Full PDB file with SEQRES, HELIX, SHEET, SSBOND, CRYST1, ORIGX, SCALE, CONECT and MASTER records, all heavy atoms in Angstrom:
SEQRES   1 A   37  LYS LEU LYS GLU LEU ARG ASP HIS ILE THR LYS ASN ALA          
SEQRES   2 A   37  HIS TYR VAL GLY PRO ARG PHE PRO GLU GLU ALA ARG LYS          
SEQRES   3 A   37  ILE HIS TYR GLY GLU ALA GLU HIS ARG SER ILE                  
HELIX    1 AA1 LEU A    2  ASN A   12  1                                  11    
HELIX    2 AA2 GLY A   17  ARG A   19  5                                   3    
HELIX    3 AA3 PHE A   20  HIS A   28  1                                   9    
CRYST1    1.000    1.000    1.000  90.00  90.00  90.00 P 1           1          
ORIGX1      1.000000  0.000000  0.000000        0.00000                         
ORIGX2      0.000000  1.000000  0.000000        0.00000                         
ORIGX3      0.000000  0.000000  1.000000        0.00000                         
SCALE1      1.000000  0.000000  0.000000        0.00000                         
SCALE2      0.000000  1.000000  0.000000        0.00000                         
SCALE3      0.000000  0.000000  1.000000        0.00000                         
ATOM      1  N   LYS A   1      23.312   0.960 -23.817  1.00  0.00           N  
ATOM      2  CA  LYS A   1      24.348   1.300 -22.836  1.00  0.00           C  
ATOM      3  C   LYS A   1      23.835   1.117 -21.408  1.00  0.00           C  
ATOM      4  O   LYS A   1      24.572   0.648 -20.534  1.00  0.00           O  
ATOM      5  CB  LYS A   1      24.850   2.719 -23.062  1.00  0.00           C  
ATOM      6  CG  LYS A   1      25.684   2.862 -24.321  1.00  0.00           C  
ATOM      7  CD  LYS A   1      26.288   4.235 -24.425  1.00  0.00           C  
ATOM      8  CE  LYS A   1      27.066   4.410 -25.710  1.00  0.00           C  
ATOM      9  NZ  LYS A   1      28.210   3.529 -25.839  1.00  0.00           N  
ATOM     10  N   LEU A   2      22.571   1.466 -21.158  1.00  0.00           N  
ATOM     11  CA  LEU A   2      21.998   1.248 -19.823  1.00  0.00           C  
ATOM     12  C   LEU A   2      21.951  -0.244 -19.498  1.00  0.00           C  
ATOM     13  O   LEU A   2      22.242  -0.652 -18.373  1.00  0.00           O  
ATOM     14  CB  LEU A   2      20.600   1.859 -19.732  1.00  0.00           C  
ATOM     15  CG  LEU A   2      20.536   3.377 -19.658  1.00  0.00           C  
ATOM     16  CD1 LEU A   2      19.094   3.859 -19.787  1.00  0.00           C  
ATOM     17  CD2 LEU A   2      21.150   3.880 -18.363  1.00  0.00           C  
ATOM     18  N   LYS A   3      21.602  -1.052 -20.494  1.00  0.00           N  
ATOM     19  CA  LYS A   3      21.576  -2.503 -20.288  1.00  0.00           C  
ATOM     20  C   LYS A   3      22.982  -3.015 -20.001  1.00  0.00           C  
ATOM     21  O   LYS A   3      23.178  -3.847 -19.106  1.00  0.00           O  
ATOM     22  CB  LYS A   3      20.978  -3.204 -21.501  1.00  0.00           C  
ATOM     23  CG  LYS A   3      20.796  -4.700 -21.301  1.00  0.00           C  
ATOM     24  CD  LYS A   3      20.034  -5.317 -22.439  1.00  0.00           C  
ATOM     25  CE  LYS A   3      19.784  -6.781 -22.326  1.00  0.00           C  
ATOM     26  NZ  LYS A   3      20.558  -7.559 -21.439  1.00  0.00           N  
ATOM     27  N   GLU A   4      23.980  -2.518 -20.737  1.00  0.00           N  
ATOM     28  CA  GLU A   4      25.366  -2.916 -20.482  1.00  0.00           C  
ATOM     29  C   GLU A   4      25.792  -2.537 -19.062  1.00  0.00           C  
ATOM     30  O   GLU A   4      26.454  -3.313 -18.373  1.00  0.00           O  
ATOM     31  CB  GLU A   4      26.311  -2.263 -21.496  1.00  0.00           C  
ATOM     32  CG  GLU A   4      26.298  -2.899 -22.854  1.00  0.00           C  
ATOM     33  CD  GLU A   4      27.256  -2.201 -23.824  1.00  0.00           C  
ATOM     34  OE1 GLU A   4      27.728  -1.070 -23.523  1.00  0.00           O  
ATOM     35  OE2 GLU A   4      27.539  -2.773 -24.876  1.00  0.00           O  
ATOM     36  N   LEU A   5      25.417  -1.331 -18.622  1.00  0.00           N  
ATOM     37  CA  LEU A   5      25.753  -0.874 -17.278  1.00  0.00           C  
ATOM     38  C   LEU A   5      25.137  -1.803 -16.231  1.00  0.00           C  
ATOM     39  O   LEU A   5      25.807  -2.254 -15.304  1.00  0.00           O  
ATOM     40  CB  LEU A   5      25.285   0.565 -17.054  1.00  0.00           C  
ATOM     41  CG  LEU A   5      25.412   1.101 -15.632  1.00  0.00           C  
ATOM     42  CD1 LEU A   5      26.867   1.181 -15.203  1.00  0.00           C  
ATOM     43  CD2 LEU A   5      24.733   2.458 -15.521  1.00  0.00           C  
ATOM     44  N   ARG A   6      23.865  -2.086 -16.401  1.00  0.00           N  
ATOM     45  CA  ARG A   6      23.179  -2.978 -15.451  1.00  0.00           C  
ATOM     46  C   ARG A   6      23.836  -4.357 -15.433  1.00  0.00           C  
ATOM     47  O   ARG A   6      24.098  -4.911 -14.366  1.00  0.00           O  
ATOM     48  CB  ARG A   6      21.700  -3.090 -15.816  1.00  0.00           C  
ATOM     49  CG  ARG A   6      20.942  -3.988 -14.855  1.00  0.00           C  
ATOM     50  CD  ARG A   6      19.464  -4.070 -15.208  1.00  0.00           C  
ATOM     51  NE  ARG A   6      18.786  -4.954 -14.319  1.00  0.00           N  
ATOM     52  CZ  ARG A   6      18.350  -4.640 -13.104  1.00  0.00           C  
ATOM     53  NH1 ARG A   6      18.530  -3.423 -12.642  1.00  0.00           N  
ATOM     54  NH2 ARG A   6      17.750  -5.523 -12.344  1.00  0.00           N  
ATOM     55  N   ASP A   7      24.120  -4.913 -16.609  1.00  0.00           N  
ATOM     56  CA  ASP A   7      24.754  -6.228 -16.691  1.00  0.00           C  
ATOM     57  C   ASP A   7      26.128  -6.213 -16.025  1.00  0.00           C  
ATOM     58  O   ASP A   7      26.490  -7.144 -15.307  1.00  0.00           O  
ATOM     59  CB  ASP A   7      24.877  -6.682 -18.148  1.00  0.00           C  
ATOM     60  CG  ASP A   7      23.535  -7.018 -18.785  1.00  0.00           C  
ATOM     61  OD1 ASP A   7      22.531  -7.155 -18.043  1.00  0.00           O  
ATOM     62  OD2 ASP A   7      23.493  -7.128 -20.020  1.00  0.00           O  
ATOM     63  N   HIS A   8      26.907  -5.145 -16.238  1.00  0.00           N  
ATOM     64  CA  HIS A   8      28.238  -5.039 -15.637  1.00  0.00           C  
ATOM     65  C   HIS A   8      28.136  -5.024 -14.110  1.00  0.00           C  
ATOM     66  O   HIS A   8      28.883  -5.730 -13.422  1.00  0.00           O  
ATOM     67  CB  HIS A   8      28.948  -3.770 -16.130  1.00  0.00           C  
ATOM     68  CG  HIS A   8      30.260  -3.538 -15.463  1.00  0.00           C  
ATOM     69  ND1 HIS A   8      31.410  -4.208 -15.811  1.00  0.00           N  
ATOM     70  CD2 HIS A   8      30.593  -2.722 -14.427  1.00  0.00           C  
ATOM     71  CE1 HIS A   8      32.398  -3.817 -15.037  1.00  0.00           C  
ATOM     72  NE2 HIS A   8      31.936  -2.912 -14.196  1.00  0.00           N  
ATOM     73  N   ILE A   9      27.193  -4.233 -13.587  1.00  0.00           N  
ATOM     74  CA  ILE A   9      27.046  -4.134 -12.130  1.00  0.00           C  
ATOM     75  C   ILE A   9      26.596  -5.471 -11.543  1.00  0.00           C  
ATOM     76  O   ILE A   9      27.155  -5.941 -10.554  1.00  0.00           O  
ATOM     77  CB  ILE A   9      26.074  -3.001 -11.755  1.00  0.00           C  
ATOM     78  CG1 ILE A   9      26.715  -1.647 -12.082  1.00  0.00           C  
ATOM     79  CG2 ILE A   9      25.685  -3.066 -10.283  1.00  0.00           C  
ATOM     80  CD1 ILE A   9      25.777  -0.468 -11.988  1.00  0.00           C  
ATOM     81  N   THR A  10      25.604  -6.093 -12.157  1.00  0.00           N  
ATOM     82  CA  THR A  10      25.094  -7.344 -11.586  1.00  0.00           C  
ATOM     83  C   THR A  10      26.118  -8.482 -11.696  1.00  0.00           C  
ATOM     84  O   THR A  10      26.080  -9.408 -10.902  1.00  0.00           O  
ATOM     85  CB  THR A  10      23.761  -7.765 -12.233  1.00  0.00           C  
ATOM     86  OG1 THR A  10      23.932  -7.891 -13.643  1.00  0.00           O  
ATOM     87  CG2 THR A  10      22.671  -6.756 -11.932  1.00  0.00           C  
ATOM     88  N   LYS A  11      27.057  -8.401 -12.647  1.00  0.00           N  
ATOM     89  CA  LYS A  11      28.087  -9.434 -12.780  1.00  0.00           C  
ATOM     90  C   LYS A  11      29.280  -9.177 -11.861  1.00  0.00           C  
ATOM     91  O   LYS A  11      29.939 -10.120 -11.422  1.00  0.00           O  
ATOM     92  CB  LYS A  11      28.570  -9.521 -14.232  1.00  0.00           C  
ATOM     93  CG  LYS A  11      27.564 -10.174 -15.154  1.00  0.00           C  
ATOM     94  CD  LYS A  11      28.059 -10.191 -16.582  1.00  0.00           C  
ATOM     95  CE  LYS A  11      26.963 -10.694 -17.509  1.00  0.00           C  
ATOM     96  NZ  LYS A  11      27.320 -10.489 -18.910  1.00  0.00           N  
ATOM     97  N   ASN A  12      29.578  -7.906 -11.578  1.00  0.00           N  
ATOM     98  CA  ASN A  12      30.818  -7.580 -10.876  1.00  0.00           C  
ATOM     99  C   ASN A  12      30.644  -7.051  -9.458  1.00  0.00           C  
ATOM    100  O   ASN A  12      31.619  -6.960  -8.726  1.00  0.00           O  
ATOM    101  CB  ASN A  12      31.617  -6.568 -11.703  1.00  0.00           C  
ATOM    102  CG  ASN A  12      32.009  -7.149 -13.042  1.00  0.00           C  
ATOM    103  OD1 ASN A  12      32.728  -8.124 -13.109  1.00  0.00           O  
ATOM    104  ND2 ASN A  12      31.499  -6.564 -14.121  1.00  0.00           N  
ATOM    105  N   ALA A  13      29.452  -6.670  -9.075  1.00  0.00           N  
ATOM    106  CA  ALA A  13      29.222  -6.153  -7.726  1.00  0.00           C  
ATOM    107  C   ALA A  13      28.602  -7.244  -6.859  1.00  0.00           C  
ATOM    108  O   ALA A  13      28.052  -8.217  -7.363  1.00  0.00           O  
ATOM    109  CB  ALA A  13      28.313  -4.921  -7.783  1.00  0.00           C  
ATOM    110  N   HIS A  14      28.679  -7.045  -5.555  1.00  0.00           N  
ATOM    111  CA  HIS A  14      28.137  -8.009  -4.594  1.00  0.00           C  
ATOM    112  C   HIS A  14      26.677  -7.662  -4.306  1.00  0.00           C  
ATOM    113  O   HIS A  14      26.373  -6.536  -3.918  1.00  0.00           O  
ATOM    114  CB  HIS A  14      28.972  -7.972  -3.309  1.00  0.00           C  
ATOM    115  CG  HIS A  14      28.530  -8.948  -2.284  1.00  0.00           C  
ATOM    116  ND1 HIS A  14      28.931 -10.263  -2.289  1.00  0.00           N  
ATOM    117  CD2 HIS A  14      27.702  -8.812  -1.221  1.00  0.00           C  
ATOM    118  CE1 HIS A  14      28.376 -10.889  -1.273  1.00  0.00           C  
ATOM    119  NE2 HIS A  14      27.624 -10.036  -0.604  1.00  0.00           N  
ATOM    120  N   TYR A  15      25.774  -8.633  -4.479  1.00  0.00           N  
ATOM    121  CA  TYR A  15      24.351  -8.409  -4.211  1.00  0.00           C  
ATOM    122  C   TYR A  15      24.098  -8.535  -2.710  1.00  0.00           C  
ATOM    123  O   TYR A  15      24.391  -9.565  -2.106  1.00  0.00           O  
ATOM    124  CB  TYR A  15      23.496  -9.410  -4.988  1.00  0.00           C  
ATOM    125  CG  TYR A  15      22.022  -9.294  -4.684  1.00  0.00           C  
ATOM    126  CD1 TYR A  15      21.302  -8.200  -5.137  1.00  0.00           C  
ATOM    127  CD2 TYR A  15      21.367 -10.259  -3.938  1.00  0.00           C  
ATOM    128  CE1 TYR A  15      19.950  -8.078  -4.870  1.00  0.00           C  
ATOM    129  CE2 TYR A  15      20.014 -10.143  -3.656  1.00  0.00           C  
ATOM    130  CZ  TYR A  15      19.318  -9.048  -4.124  1.00  0.00           C  
ATOM    131  OH  TYR A  15      17.971  -8.925  -3.848  1.00  0.00           O  
ATOM    132  N   VAL A  16      23.537  -7.465  -2.119  1.00  0.00           N  
ATOM    133  CA  VAL A  16      23.254  -7.468  -0.679  1.00  0.00           C  
ATOM    134  C   VAL A  16      21.762  -7.414  -0.388  1.00  0.00           C  
ATOM    135  O   VAL A  16      21.359  -7.381   0.772  1.00  0.00           O  
ATOM    136  CB  VAL A  16      23.992  -6.311   0.037  1.00  0.00           C  
ATOM    137  CG1 VAL A  16      25.494  -6.513  -0.037  1.00  0.00           C  
ATOM    138  CG2 VAL A  16      23.578  -4.958  -0.523  1.00  0.00           C  
ATOM    139  N   GLY A  17      20.947  -7.392  -1.427  1.00  0.00           N  
ATOM    140  CA  GLY A  17      19.485  -7.425  -1.263  1.00  0.00           C  
ATOM    141  C   GLY A  17      18.956  -6.278  -0.434  1.00  0.00           C  
ATOM    142  O   GLY A  17      19.405  -5.137  -0.572  1.00  0.00           O  
ATOM    143  N   PRO A  18      18.031  -6.569   0.477  1.00  0.00           N  
ATOM    144  CA  PRO A  18      17.406  -5.499   1.269  1.00  0.00           C  
ATOM    145  C   PRO A  18      18.345  -4.905   2.319  1.00  0.00           C  
ATOM    146  O   PRO A  18      18.000  -3.916   2.961  1.00  0.00           O  
ATOM    147  CB  PRO A  18      16.211  -6.200   1.933  1.00  0.00           C  
ATOM    148  CG  PRO A  18      16.540  -7.656   1.913  1.00  0.00           C  
ATOM    149  CD  PRO A  18      17.422  -7.875   0.718  1.00  0.00           C  
ATOM    150  N   ARG A  19      19.545  -5.475   2.468  1.00  0.00           N  
ATOM    151  CA  ARG A  19      20.515  -4.917   3.413  1.00  0.00           C  
ATOM    152  C   ARG A  19      21.315  -3.783   2.793  1.00  0.00           C  
ATOM    153  O   ARG A  19      22.279  -3.293   3.384  1.00  0.00           O  
ATOM    154  CB  ARG A  19      21.483  -6.018   3.879  1.00  0.00           C  
ATOM    155  CG  ARG A  19      20.837  -7.154   4.639  1.00  0.00           C  
ATOM    156  CD  ARG A  19      21.850  -8.150   5.226  1.00  0.00           C  
ATOM    157  NE  ARG A  19      23.143  -8.199   4.569  1.00  0.00           N  
ATOM    158  CZ  ARG A  19      23.489  -9.035   3.585  1.00  0.00           C  
ATOM    159  NH1 ARG A  19      22.612  -9.903   3.110  1.00  0.00           N  
ATOM    160  NH2 ARG A  19      24.705  -9.015   3.062  1.00  0.00           N  
ATOM    161  N   PHE A  20      20.943  -3.327   1.593  1.00  0.00           N  
ATOM    162  CA  PHE A  20      21.718  -2.297   0.906  1.00  0.00           C  
ATOM    163  C   PHE A  20      21.968  -1.058   1.760  1.00  0.00           C  
ATOM    164  O   PHE A  20      23.121  -0.630   1.874  1.00  0.00           O  
ATOM    165  CB  PHE A  20      21.056  -1.904  -0.429  1.00  0.00           C  
ATOM    166  CG  PHE A  20      21.834  -0.838  -1.158  1.00  0.00           C  
ATOM    167  CD1 PHE A  20      22.903  -1.195  -1.966  1.00  0.00           C  
ATOM    168  CD2 PHE A  20      21.516   0.497  -1.028  1.00  0.00           C  
ATOM    169  CE1 PHE A  20      23.641  -0.228  -2.617  1.00  0.00           C  
ATOM    170  CE2 PHE A  20      22.248   1.472  -1.677  1.00  0.00           C  
ATOM    171  CZ  PHE A  20      23.316   1.110  -2.484  1.00  0.00           C  
ATOM    172  N   PRO A  21      20.952  -0.447   2.387  1.00  0.00           N  
ATOM    173  CA  PRO A  21      21.235   0.766   3.178  1.00  0.00           C  
ATOM    174  C   PRO A  21      22.253   0.509   4.300  1.00  0.00           C  
ATOM    175  O   PRO A  21      23.166   1.310   4.511  1.00  0.00           O  
ATOM    176  CB  PRO A  21      19.865   1.150   3.751  1.00  0.00           C  
ATOM    177  CG  PRO A  21      18.879   0.528   2.823  1.00  0.00           C  
ATOM    178  CD  PRO A  21      19.523  -0.739   2.349  1.00  0.00           C  
ATOM    179  N   GLU A  22      22.107  -0.604   4.981  1.00  0.00           N  
ATOM    180  CA  GLU A  22      23.019  -0.956   6.085  1.00  0.00           C  
ATOM    181  C   GLU A  22      24.443  -1.153   5.569  1.00  0.00           C  
ATOM    182  O   GLU A  22      25.409  -0.617   6.140  1.00  0.00           O  
ATOM    183  CB  GLU A  22      22.505  -2.232   6.753  1.00  0.00           C  
ATOM    184  CG  GLU A  22      23.385  -2.788   7.840  1.00  0.00           C  
ATOM    185  CD  GLU A  22      22.887  -4.140   8.335  1.00  0.00           C  
ATOM    186  OE1 GLU A  22      21.696  -4.462   8.130  1.00  0.00           O  
ATOM    187  OE2 GLU A  22      23.705  -4.872   8.904  1.00  0.00           O  
ATOM    188  N   GLU A  23      24.599  -1.917   4.490  1.00  0.00           N  
ATOM    189  CA  GLU A  23      25.925  -2.182   3.923  1.00  0.00           C  
ATOM    190  C   GLU A  23      26.551  -0.912   3.365  1.00  0.00           C  
ATOM    191  O   GLU A  23      27.753  -0.692   3.508  1.00  0.00           O  
ATOM    192  CB  GLU A  23      25.836  -3.258   2.841  1.00  0.00           C  
ATOM    193  CG  GLU A  23      25.469  -4.629   3.366  1.00  0.00           C  
ATOM    194  CD  GLU A  23      26.532  -5.211   4.290  1.00  0.00           C  
ATOM    195  OE1 GLU A  23      27.733  -5.056   4.010  1.00  0.00           O  
ATOM    196  OE2 GLU A  23      26.149  -5.822   5.301  1.00  0.00           O  
ATOM    197  N   ALA A  24      25.747  -0.064   2.710  1.00  0.00           N  
ATOM    198  CA  ALA A  24      26.264   1.197   2.160  1.00  0.00           C  
ATOM    199  C   ALA A  24      26.800   2.087   3.280  1.00  0.00           C  
ATOM    200  O   ALA A  24      27.851   2.730   3.129  1.00  0.00           O  
ATOM    201  CB  ALA A  24      25.176   1.913   1.371  1.00  0.00           C  
ATOM    202  N   ARG A  25      26.104   2.130   4.409  1.00  0.00           N  
ATOM    203  CA  ARG A  25      26.576   2.925   5.555  1.00  0.00           C  
ATOM    204  C   ARG A  25      27.901   2.368   6.093  1.00  0.00           C  
ATOM    205  O   ARG A  25      28.816   3.123   6.406  1.00  0.00           O  
ATOM    206  CB  ARG A  25      25.519   2.930   6.657  1.00  0.00           C  
ATOM    207  CG  ARG A  25      24.391   3.874   6.402  1.00  0.00           C  
ATOM    208  CD  ARG A  25      23.473   4.008   7.625  1.00  0.00           C  
ATOM    209  NE  ARG A  25      22.381   4.894   7.299  1.00  0.00           N  
ATOM    210  CZ  ARG A  25      21.189   4.483   6.836  1.00  0.00           C  
ATOM    211  NH1 ARG A  25      20.945   3.194   6.691  1.00  0.00           N  
ATOM    212  NH2 ARG A  25      20.257   5.364   6.540  1.00  0.00           N  
ATOM    213  N   LYS A  26      27.992   1.044   6.237  1.00  0.00           N  
ATOM    214  CA  LYS A  26      29.222   0.432   6.754  1.00  0.00           C  
ATOM    215  C   LYS A  26      30.416   0.787   5.868  1.00  0.00           C  
ATOM    216  O   LYS A  26      31.493   1.115   6.365  1.00  0.00           O  
ATOM    217  CB  LYS A  26      29.069  -1.090   6.846  1.00  0.00           C  
ATOM    218  CG  LYS A  26      28.187  -1.556   7.971  1.00  0.00           C  
ATOM    219  CD  LYS A  26      28.099  -3.077   7.972  1.00  0.00           C  
ATOM    220  CE  LYS A  26      27.170  -3.596   9.047  1.00  0.00           C  
ATOM    221  NZ  LYS A  26      27.047  -5.068   9.001  1.00  0.00           N  
ATOM    222  N   ILE A  27      30.221   0.718   4.559  1.00  0.00           N  
ATOM    223  CA  ILE A  27      31.303   1.049   3.623  1.00  0.00           C  
ATOM    224  C   ILE A  27      31.634   2.530   3.719  1.00  0.00           C  
ATOM    225  O   ILE A  27      32.806   2.916   3.804  1.00  0.00           O  
ATOM    226  CB  ILE A  27      30.916   0.641   2.178  1.00  0.00           C  
ATOM    227  CG1 ILE A  27      30.828  -0.884   2.065  1.00  0.00           C  
ATOM    228  CG2 ILE A  27      31.903   1.213   1.165  1.00  0.00           C  
ATOM    229  CD1 ILE A  27      30.206  -1.385   0.776  1.00  0.00           C  
ATOM    230  N   HIS A  28      30.614   3.378   3.732  1.00  0.00           N  
ATOM    231  CA  HIS A  28      30.815   4.831   3.769  1.00  0.00           C  
ATOM    232  C   HIS A  28      31.560   5.266   5.027  1.00  0.00           C  
ATOM    233  O   HIS A  28      32.439   6.126   4.975  1.00  0.00           O  
ATOM    234  CB  HIS A  28      29.464   5.554   3.675  1.00  0.00           C  
ATOM    235  CG  HIS A  28      29.562   7.033   3.720  1.00  0.00           C  
ATOM    236  ND1 HIS A  28      29.995   7.780   2.647  1.00  0.00           N  
ATOM    237  CD2 HIS A  28      29.292   7.923   4.718  1.00  0.00           C  
ATOM    238  CE1 HIS A  28      29.979   9.057   2.967  1.00  0.00           C  
ATOM    239  NE2 HIS A  28      29.563   9.178   4.227  1.00  0.00           N  
ATOM    240  N   TYR A  29      31.224   4.689   6.170  1.00  0.00           N  
ATOM    241  CA  TYR A  29      31.831   5.096   7.436  1.00  0.00           C  
ATOM    242  C   TYR A  29      33.080   4.283   7.781  1.00  0.00           C  
ATOM    243  O   TYR A  29      33.608   4.393   8.883  1.00  0.00           O  
ATOM    244  CB  TYR A  29      30.800   5.017   8.564  1.00  0.00           C  
ATOM    245  CG  TYR A  29      29.690   6.044   8.391  1.00  0.00           C  
ATOM    246  CD1 TYR A  29      28.376   5.640   8.172  1.00  0.00           C  
ATOM    247  CD2 TYR A  29      29.962   7.408   8.428  1.00  0.00           C  
ATOM    248  CE1 TYR A  29      27.359   6.574   8.001  1.00  0.00           C  
ATOM    249  CE2 TYR A  29      28.953   8.353   8.260  1.00  0.00           C  
ATOM    250  CZ  TYR A  29      27.659   7.924   8.047  1.00  0.00           C  
ATOM    251  OH  TYR A  29      26.663   8.852   7.871  1.00  0.00           O  
ATOM    252  N   GLY A  30      33.561   3.447   6.848  1.00  0.00           N  
ATOM    253  CA  GLY A  30      34.804   2.717   7.053  1.00  0.00           C  
ATOM    254  C   GLY A  30      34.681   1.499   7.946  1.00  0.00           C  
ATOM    255  O   GLY A  30      35.693   0.951   8.386  1.00  0.00           O  
ATOM    256  N   GLU A  31      33.466   1.048   8.219  1.00  0.00           N  
ATOM    257  CA  GLU A  31      33.273  -0.138   9.064  1.00  0.00           C  
ATOM    258  C   GLU A  31      33.388  -1.427   8.264  1.00  0.00           C  
ATOM    259  O   GLU A  31      33.451  -2.505   8.843  1.00  0.00           O  
ATOM    260  CB  GLU A  31      31.905  -0.064   9.744  1.00  0.00           C  
ATOM    261  CG  GLU A  31      31.741   1.130  10.669  1.00  0.00           C  
ATOM    262  CD  GLU A  31      30.296   1.324  11.124  1.00  0.00           C  
ATOM    263  OE1 GLU A  31      29.465   0.413  10.908  1.00  0.00           O  
ATOM    264  OE2 GLU A  31      30.009   2.393  11.683  1.00  0.00           O  
ATOM    265  N   ALA A  32      33.379  -1.311   6.951  1.00  0.00           N  
ATOM    266  CA  ALA A  32      33.527  -2.472   6.064  1.00  0.00           C  
ATOM    267  C   ALA A  32      34.430  -2.059   4.909  1.00  0.00           C  
ATOM    268  O   ALA A  32      34.533  -0.880   4.563  1.00  0.00           O  
ATOM    269  CB  ALA A  32      32.163  -2.930   5.537  1.00  0.00           C  
ATOM    270  N   GLU A  33      35.079  -3.043   4.311  1.00  0.00           N  
ATOM    271  CA  GLU A  33      35.976  -2.778   3.183  1.00  0.00           C  
ATOM    272  C   GLU A  33      35.185  -2.227   1.994  1.00  0.00           C  
ATOM    273  O   GLU A  33      34.063  -2.669   1.710  1.00  0.00           O  
ATOM    274  CB  GLU A  33      36.643  -4.102   2.790  1.00  0.00           C  
ATOM    275  CG  GLU A  33      37.650  -3.972   1.681  1.00  0.00           C  
ATOM    276  CD  GLU A  33      38.269  -5.315   1.306  1.00  0.00           C  
ATOM    277  OE1 GLU A  33      38.280  -6.224   2.167  1.00  0.00           O  
ATOM    278  OE2 GLU A  33      38.714  -5.442   0.165  1.00  0.00           O  
ATOM    279  N   HIS A  34      35.786  -1.268   1.306  1.00  0.00           N  
ATOM    280  CA  HIS A  34      35.115  -0.674   0.149  1.00  0.00           C  
ATOM    281  C   HIS A  34      34.996  -1.709  -0.960  1.00  0.00           C  
ATOM    282  O   HIS A  34      35.955  -2.397  -1.303  1.00  0.00           O  
ATOM    283  CB  HIS A  34      35.879   0.542  -0.373  1.00  0.00           C  
ATOM    284  CG  HIS A  34      35.116   1.255  -1.453  1.00  0.00           C  
ATOM    285  ND1 HIS A  34      35.143   0.835  -2.756  1.00  0.00           N  
ATOM    286  CD2 HIS A  34      34.282   2.318  -1.413  1.00  0.00           C  
ATOM    287  CE1 HIS A  34      34.362   1.621  -3.479  1.00  0.00           C  
ATOM    288  NE2 HIS A  34      33.836   2.528  -2.686  1.00  0.00           N  
ATOM    289  N   ARG A  35      33.793  -1.863  -1.468  1.00  0.00           N  
ATOM    290  CA  ARG A  35      33.520  -2.763  -2.576  1.00  0.00           C  
ATOM    291  C   ARG A  35      32.246  -2.290  -3.263  1.00  0.00           C  
ATOM    292  O   ARG A  35      31.466  -1.532  -2.705  1.00  0.00           O  
ATOM    293  CB  ARG A  35      33.371  -4.204  -2.089  1.00  0.00           C  
ATOM    294  CG  ARG A  35      32.138  -4.444  -1.224  1.00  0.00           C  
ATOM    295  CD  ARG A  35      32.234  -5.795  -0.509  1.00  0.00           C  
ATOM    296  NE  ARG A  35      30.992  -6.216   0.090  1.00  0.00           N  
ATOM    297  CZ  ARG A  35      30.476  -5.743   1.220  1.00  0.00           C  
ATOM    298  NH1 ARG A  35      31.095  -4.784   1.870  1.00  0.00           N  
ATOM    299  NH2 ARG A  35      29.337  -6.205   1.698  1.00  0.00           N  
ATOM    300  N   SER A  36      32.045  -2.752  -4.484  1.00  0.00           N  
ATOM    301  CA  SER A  36      30.821  -2.419  -5.211  1.00  0.00           C  
ATOM    302  C   SER A  36      29.709  -3.348  -4.737  1.00  0.00           C  
ATOM    303  O   SER A  36      29.898  -4.560  -4.672  1.00  0.00           O  
ATOM    304  CB  SER A  36      31.013  -2.590  -6.714  1.00  0.00           C  
ATOM    305  OG  SER A  36      31.966  -1.674  -7.187  1.00  0.00           O  
ATOM    306  N   ILE A  37      28.575  -2.746  -4.406  1.00  0.00           N  
ATOM    307  CA  ILE A  37      27.412  -3.528  -3.965  1.00  0.00           C  
ATOM    308  C   ILE A  37      26.179  -3.040  -4.707  1.00  0.00           C  
ATOM    309  O   ILE A  37      26.149  -1.929  -5.239  1.00  0.00           O  
ATOM    310  CB  ILE A  37      27.184  -3.424  -2.435  1.00  0.00           C  
ATOM    311  CG1 ILE A  37      26.889  -1.975  -2.025  1.00  0.00           C  
ATOM    312  CG2 ILE A  37      28.357  -3.999  -1.661  1.00  0.00           C  
ATOM    313  CD1 ILE A  37      26.434  -1.813  -0.573  1.00  0.00           C  
TER     314      ILE A  37                                                      
MASTER        0    0    0    3    0    0    0    6  313    1    0    3          
END                                                                             
């Protein structure tokens, strides 16, 4: 199930690499459209 979860996220979410903290903040504070990253 953990492998399925990981596969689902990597197939359906947007990869932002090392910019994850920056992108997560933008989404959280409404500066960017909500999406899975």
